[in-house]
Amino acid sequence: MKVKITDDCVGCGACEAINPEIFLIDSQARVNNSKIGGNEQDCIDAALICPANAIWIDEIF
């Protein structure tokens, strides 16, 4: 699974609340790609609740 944060991110922290090991908030969210494996459902959940639709997921297995 590939996860990307788009420029639409407003830094609200919703994704970080789901899994702070994957999503880190500075002024905008960042993805820790080394933590995605085994946490794919958290990535999908974060994308679904993101108010800015700023989480892009590609290659869902």
PDB file of N, CA and C in Angstrom:
ATOM      1  N   MET A   1       0.847  -1.174   0.000  1.00  0.00           N
ATOM      2  CA  MET A   1       0.000   0.000   0.000  1.00  0.00           C
ATOM      3  C   MET A   1       0.887   1.230   0.000  1.00  0.00           C
ATOM      4  N   LYS A   2       0.502   2.192  -0.810  1.00  0.00           N
ATOM      5  CA  LYS A   2       1.191   3.481  -0.827  1.00  0.00           C
ATOM      6  C   LYS A   2       0.225   4.538  -0.319  1.00  0.00           C
ATOM      7  N   VAL A   3       0.701   5.384   0.585  1.00  0.00           N
ATOM      8  CA  VAL A   3      -0.118   6.439   1.170  1.00  0.00           C
ATOM      9  C   VAL A   3       0.600   7.766   0.975  1.00  0.00           C
ATOM     10  N   LYS A   4      -0.151   8.761   0.515  1.00  0.00           N
ATOM     11  CA  LYS A   4       0.404  10.093   0.278  1.00  0.00           C
ATOM     12  C   LYS A   4      -0.541  11.134   0.857  1.00  0.00           C
ATOM     13  N   ILE A   5       0.023  12.193   1.390  1.00  0.00           N
ATOM     14  CA  ILE A   5      -0.751  13.334   1.870  1.00  0.00           C
ATOM     15  C   ILE A   5      -0.680  14.418   0.790  1.00  0.00           C
ATOM     16  N   THR A   6      -1.835  14.889   0.343  1.00  0.00           N
ATOM     17  CA  THR A   6      -1.865  15.928  -0.684  1.00  0.00           C
ATOM     18  C   THR A   6      -1.727  17.313  -0.059  1.00  0.00           C
ATOM     19  N   ASP A   7      -1.576  18.300  -0.900  1.00  0.00           N
ATOM     20  CA  ASP A   7      -1.451  19.686  -0.438  1.00  0.00           C
ATOM     21  C   ASP A   7      -2.742  20.221   0.173  1.00  0.00           C
ATOM     22  N   ASP A   8      -3.834  19.467   0.067  1.00  0.00           N
ATOM     23  CA  ASP A   8      -5.106  19.885   0.647  1.00  0.00           C
ATOM     24  C   ASP A   8      -5.147  19.727   2.159  1.00  0.00           C
ATOM     25  N   CYS A   9      -4.145  19.062   2.737  1.00  0.00           N
ATOM     26  CA  CYS A   9      -4.115  18.807   4.183  1.00  0.00           C
ATOM     27  C   CYS A   9      -4.164  20.126   4.957  1.00  0.00           C
ATOM     28  N   VAL A  10      -5.030  20.153   5.980  1.00  0.00           N
ATOM     29  CA  VAL A  10      -5.166  21.336   6.825  1.00  0.00           C
ATOM     30  C   VAL A  10      -4.522  21.130   8.195  1.00  0.00           C
ATOM     31  N   GLY A  11      -3.918  19.960   8.423  1.00  0.00           N
ATOM     32  CA  GLY A  11      -3.220  19.698   9.680  1.00  0.00           C
ATOM     33  C   GLY A  11      -4.133  19.529  10.868  1.00  0.00           C
ATOM     34  N   CYS A  12      -5.342  19.019  10.665  1.00  0.00           N
ATOM     35  CA  CYS A  12      -6.324  18.918  11.749  1.00  0.00           C
ATOM     36  C   CYS A  12      -5.975  17.842  12.779  1.00  0.00           C
ATOM     37  N   GLY A  13      -5.213  16.826  12.384  1.00  0.00           N
ATOM     38  CA  GLY A  13      -4.809  15.780  13.320  1.00  0.00           C
ATOM     39  C   GLY A  13      -5.722  14.580  13.389  1.00  0.00           C
ATOM     40  N   ALA A  14      -6.747  14.528  12.561  1.00  0.00           N
ATOM     41  CA  ALA A  14      -7.666  13.383  12.592  1.00  0.00           C
ATOM     42  C   ALA A  14      -6.938  12.086  12.263  1.00  0.00           C
ATOM     43  N   CYS A  15      -6.052  12.117  11.289  1.00  0.00           N
ATOM     44  CA  CYS A  15      -5.310  10.913  10.912  1.00  0.00           C
ATOM     45  C   CYS A  15      -4.354  10.490  12.021  1.00  0.00           C
ATOM     46  N   GLU A  16      -3.709  11.456  12.640  1.00  0.00           N
ATOM     47  CA  GLU A  16      -2.773  11.168  13.732  1.00  0.00           C
ATOM     48  C   GLU A  16      -3.503  10.537  14.912  1.00  0.00           C
ATOM     49  N   ALA A  17      -4.756  10.929  15.132  1.00  0.00           N
ATOM     50  CA  ALA A  17      -5.542  10.350  16.222  1.00  0.00           C
ATOM     51  C   ALA A  17      -5.830   8.871  15.970  1.00  0.00           C
ATOM     52  N   ILE A  18      -5.926   8.473  14.707  1.00  0.00           N
ATOM     53  CA  ILE A  18      -6.164   7.066  14.382  1.00  0.00           C
ATOM     54  C   ILE A  18      -4.903   6.242  14.596  1.00  0.00           C
ATOM     55  N   ASN A  19      -3.759   6.724  14.116  1.00  0.00           N
ATOM     56  CA  ASN A  19      -2.511   5.999  14.312  1.00  0.00           C
ATOM     57  C   ASN A  19      -1.339   6.977  14.254  1.00  0.00           C
ATOM     58  N   PRO A  20      -0.857   7.407  15.426  1.00  0.00           N
ATOM     59  CA  PRO A  20       0.243   8.370  15.456  1.00  0.00           C
ATOM     60  C   PRO A  20       1.591   7.801  15.016  1.00  0.00           C
ATOM     61  N   GLU A  21       1.689   6.472  14.871  1.00  0.00           N
ATOM     62  CA  GLU A  21       2.925   5.898  14.352  1.00  0.00           C
ATOM     63  C   GLU A  21       3.020   6.071  12.839  1.00  0.00           C
ATOM     64  N   ILE A  22       1.877   6.149  12.168  1.00  0.00           N
ATOM     65  CA  ILE A  22       1.859   6.305  10.711  1.00  0.00           C
ATOM     66  C   ILE A  22       1.783   7.772  10.323  1.00  0.00           C
ATOM     67  N   PHE A  23       0.889   8.513  10.963  1.00  0.00           N
ATOM     68  CA  PHE A  23       0.634   9.905  10.579  1.00  0.00           C
ATOM     69  C   PHE A  23       1.211  10.858  11.619  1.00  0.00           C
ATOM     70  N   LEU A  24       2.031  11.781  11.160  1.00  0.00           N
ATOM     71  CA  LEU A  24       2.675  12.760  12.025  1.00  0.00           C
ATOM     72  C   LEU A  24       2.271  14.145  11.554  1.00  0.00           C
ATOM     73  N   ILE A  25       1.892  15.004  12.492  1.00  0.00           N
ATOM     74  CA  ILE A  25       1.454  16.358  12.130  1.00  0.00           C
ATOM     75  C   ILE A  25       2.540  17.363  12.485  1.00  0.00           C
ATOM     76  N   ASP A  26       2.966  18.109  11.490  1.00  0.00           N
ATOM     77  CA  ASP A  26       3.774  19.311  11.695  1.00  0.00           C
ATOM     78  C   ASP A  26       2.813  20.445  11.380  1.00  0.00           C
ATOM     79  N   SER A  27       3.037  21.180  10.348  1.00  0.00           N
ATOM     80  CA  SER A  27       2.021  22.119   9.878  1.00  0.00           C
ATOM     81  C   SER A  27       1.051  21.388   8.962  1.00  0.00           C
ATOM     82  N   GLN A  28       1.490  20.250   8.484  1.00  0.00           N
ATOM     83  CA  GLN A  28       0.715  19.388   7.592  1.00  0.00           C
ATOM     84  C   GLN A  28       1.064  17.944   7.967  1.00  0.00           C
ATOM     85  N   ALA A  29       0.205  17.015   7.639  1.00  0.00           N
ATOM     86  CA  ALA A  29       0.463  15.606   7.953  1.00  0.00           C
ATOM     87  C   ALA A  29       1.607  15.070   7.104  1.00  0.00           C
ATOM     88  N   ARG A  30       2.332  14.137   7.695  1.00  0.00           N
ATOM     89  CA  ARG A  30       3.367  13.383   6.990  1.00  0.00           C
ATOM     90  C   ARG A  30       3.100  11.908   7.241  1.00  0.00           C
ATOM     91  N   VAL A  31       3.558  11.054   6.345  1.00  0.00           N
ATOM     92  CA  VAL A  31       3.355   9.615   6.459  1.00  0.00           C
ATOM     93  C   VAL A  31       4.684   8.941   6.785  1.00  0.00           C
ATOM     94  N   ASN A  32       4.674   8.090   7.805  1.00  0.00           N
ATOM     95  CA  ASN A  32       5.828   7.262   8.130  1.00  0.00           C
ATOM     96  C   ASN A  32       5.627   5.933   7.403  1.00  0.00           C
ATOM     97  N   ASN A  33       6.173   5.823   6.212  1.00  0.00           N
ATOM     98  CA  ASN A  33       5.945   4.665   5.349  1.00  0.00           C
ATOM     99  C   ASN A  33       6.426   3.354   5.957  1.00  0.00           C
ATOM    100  N   SER A  34       7.382   3.397   6.863  1.00  0.00           N
ATOM    101  CA  SER A  34       7.895   2.162   7.459  1.00  0.00           C
ATOM    102  C   SER A  34       6.893   1.518   8.416  1.00  0.00           C
ATOM    103  N   LYS A  35       5.841   2.233   8.794  1.00  0.00           N
ATOM    104  CA  LYS A  35       4.839   1.715   9.734  1.00  0.00           C
ATOM    105  C   LYS A  35       3.535   1.294   9.069  1.00  0.00           C
ATOM    106  N   ILE A  36       3.441   1.405   7.747  1.00  0.00           N
ATOM    107  CA  ILE A  36       2.190   1.077   7.059  1.00  0.00           C
ATOM    108  C   ILE A  36       1.896  -0.419   7.101  1.00  0.00           C
ATOM    109  N   GLY A  37       2.917  -1.248   6.880  1.00  0.00           N
ATOM    110  CA  GLY A  37       2.727  -2.697   6.867  1.00  0.00           C
ATOM    111  C   GLY A  37       2.069  -3.193   8.140  1.00  0.00           C
ATOM    112  N   GLY A  38       0.964  -3.900   8.004  1.00  0.00           N
ATOM    113  CA  GLY A  38       0.210  -4.394   9.151  1.00  0.00           C
ATOM    114  C   GLY A  38      -0.808  -3.407   9.680  1.00  0.00           C
ATOM    115  N   ASN A  39      -0.764  -2.177   9.205  1.00  0.00           N
ATOM    116  CA  ASN A  39      -1.682  -1.125   9.657  1.00  0.00           C
ATOM    117  C   ASN A  39      -2.481  -0.541   8.500  1.00  0.00           C
ATOM    118  N   GLU A  40      -2.701  -1.334   7.474  1.00  0.00           N
ATOM    119  CA  GLU A  40      -3.406  -0.854   6.292  1.00  0.00           C
ATOM    120  C   GLU A  40      -4.812  -0.360   6.608  1.00  0.00           C
ATOM    121  N   GLN A  41      -5.512  -1.046   7.507  1.00  0.00           N
ATOM    122  CA  GLN A  41      -6.873  -0.620   7.838  1.00  0.00           C
ATOM    123  C   GLN A  41      -6.879   0.760   8.496  1.00  0.00           C
ATOM    124  N   ASP A  42      -5.866   1.070   9.303  1.00  0.00           N
ATOM    125  CA  ASP A  42      -5.765   2.408   9.899  1.00  0.00           C
ATOM    126  C   ASP A  42      -5.598   3.472   8.816  1.00  0.00           C
ATOM    127  N   CYS A  43      -4.845   3.152   7.775  1.00  0.00           N
ATOM    128  CA  CYS A  43      -4.658   4.094   6.673  1.00  0.00           C
ATOM    129  C   CYS A  43      -5.980   4.345   5.952  1.00  0.00           C
ATOM    130  N   ILE A  44      -6.723   3.276   5.718  1.00  0.00           N
ATOM    131  CA  ILE A  44      -8.025   3.405   5.056  1.00  0.00           C
ATOM    132  C   ILE A  44      -8.981   4.204   5.928  1.00  0.00           C
ATOM    133  N   ASP A  45      -9.017   3.904   7.221  1.00  0.00           N
ATOM    134  CA  ASP A  45      -9.892   4.640   8.141  1.00  0.00           C
ATOM    135  C   ASP A  45      -9.538   6.124   8.174  1.00  0.00           C
ATOM    136  N   ALA A  46      -8.240   6.424   8.209  1.00  0.00           N
ATOM    137  CA  ALA A  46      -7.805   7.822   8.229  1.00  0.00           C
ATOM    138  C   ALA A  46      -8.234   8.544   6.954  1.00  0.00           C
ATOM    139  N   ALA A  47      -8.099   7.872   5.822  1.00  0.00           N
ATOM    140  CA  ALA A  47      -8.508   8.486   4.556  1.00  0.00           C
ATOM    141  C   ALA A  47     -10.009   8.762   4.546  1.00  0.00           C
ATOM    142  N   LEU A  48     -10.775   7.858   5.123  1.00  0.00           N
ATOM    143  CA  LEU A  48     -12.226   8.026   5.133  1.00  0.00           C
ATOM    144  C   LEU A  48     -12.687   9.171   6.038  1.00  0.00           C
ATOM    145  N   ILE A  49     -11.975   9.430   7.138  1.00  0.00           N
ATOM    146  CA  ILE A  49     -12.418  10.492   8.047  1.00  0.00           C
ATOM    147  C   ILE A  49     -11.744  11.837   7.792  1.00  0.00           C
ATOM    148  N   CYS A  50     -10.759  11.868   6.911  1.00  0.00           N
ATOM    149  CA  CYS A  50     -10.042  13.123   6.654  1.00  0.00           C
ATOM    150  C   CYS A  50     -11.022  14.179   6.126  1.00  0.00           C
ATOM    151  N   PRO A  51     -11.184  15.301   6.860  1.00  0.00           N
ATOM    152  CA  PRO A  51     -12.154  16.318   6.428  1.00  0.00           C
ATOM    153  C   PRO A  51     -11.744  17.043   5.149  1.00  0.00           C
ATOM    154  N   ALA A  52     -10.469  16.984   4.803  1.00  0.00           N
ATOM    155  CA  ALA A  52      -9.998  17.664   3.600  1.00  0.00           C
ATOM    156  C   ALA A  52      -9.789  16.689   2.434  1.00  0.00           C
ATOM    157  N   ASN A  53     -10.092  15.408   2.650  1.00  0.00           N
ATOM    158  CA  ASN A  53      -9.838  14.379   1.630  1.00  0.00           C
ATOM    159  C   ASN A  53      -8.410  14.465   1.114  1.00  0.00           C
ATOM    160  N   ALA A  54      -7.464  14.618   2.052  1.00  0.00           N
ATOM    161  CA  ALA A  54      -6.070  14.840   1.695  1.00  0.00           C
ATOM    162  C   ALA A  54      -5.210  13.588   1.760  1.00  0.00           C
ATOM    163  N   ILE A  55      -5.794  12.440   2.070  1.00  0.00           N
ATOM    164  CA  ILE A  55      -5.021  11.202   2.143  1.00  0.00           C
ATOM    165  C   ILE A  55      -5.318  10.379   0.895  1.00  0.00           C
ATOM    166  N   TRP A  56      -4.268  10.158   0.109  1.00  0.00           N
ATOM    167  CA  TRP A  56      -4.395   9.399  -1.137  1.00  0.00           C
ATOM    168  C   TRP A  56      -3.791   8.017  -0.928  1.00  0.00           C
ATOM    169  N   ILE A  57      -4.571   6.982  -1.206  1.00  0.00           N
ATOM    170  CA  ILE A  57      -4.110   5.603  -1.056  1.00  0.00           C
ATOM    171  C   ILE A  57      -4.061   4.966  -2.437  1.00  0.00           C
ATOM    172  N   ASP A  58      -2.947   4.309  -2.710  1.00  0.00           N
ATOM    173  CA  ASP A  58      -2.764   3.621  -3.975  1.00  0.00           C
ATOM    174  C   ASP A  58      -2.282   2.202  -3.684  1.00  0.00           C
ATOM    175  N   GLU A  59      -2.599   1.304  -4.552  1.00  0.00           N
ATOM    176  CA  GLU A  59      -2.182  -0.092  -4.447  1.00  0.00           C
ATOM    177  C   GLU A  59      -2.699  -0.757  -3.181  1.00  0.00           C
ATOM    178  N   ILE A  60      -3.993  -0.780  -3.009  1.00  0.00           N
ATOM    179  CA  ILE A  60      -4.584  -1.485  -1.873  1.00  0.00           C
ATOM    180  C   ILE A  60      -4.571  -2.968  -2.175  1.00  0.00           C
ATOM    181  N   PHE A  61      -4.030  -3.741  -1.263  1.00  0.00           N
ATOM    182  CA  PHE A  61      -3.962  -5.195  -1.445  1.00  0.00           C
ATOM    183  C   PHE A  61      -5.046  -5.868  -0.657  1.00  0.00           C
TER     184      PHE A  61
END
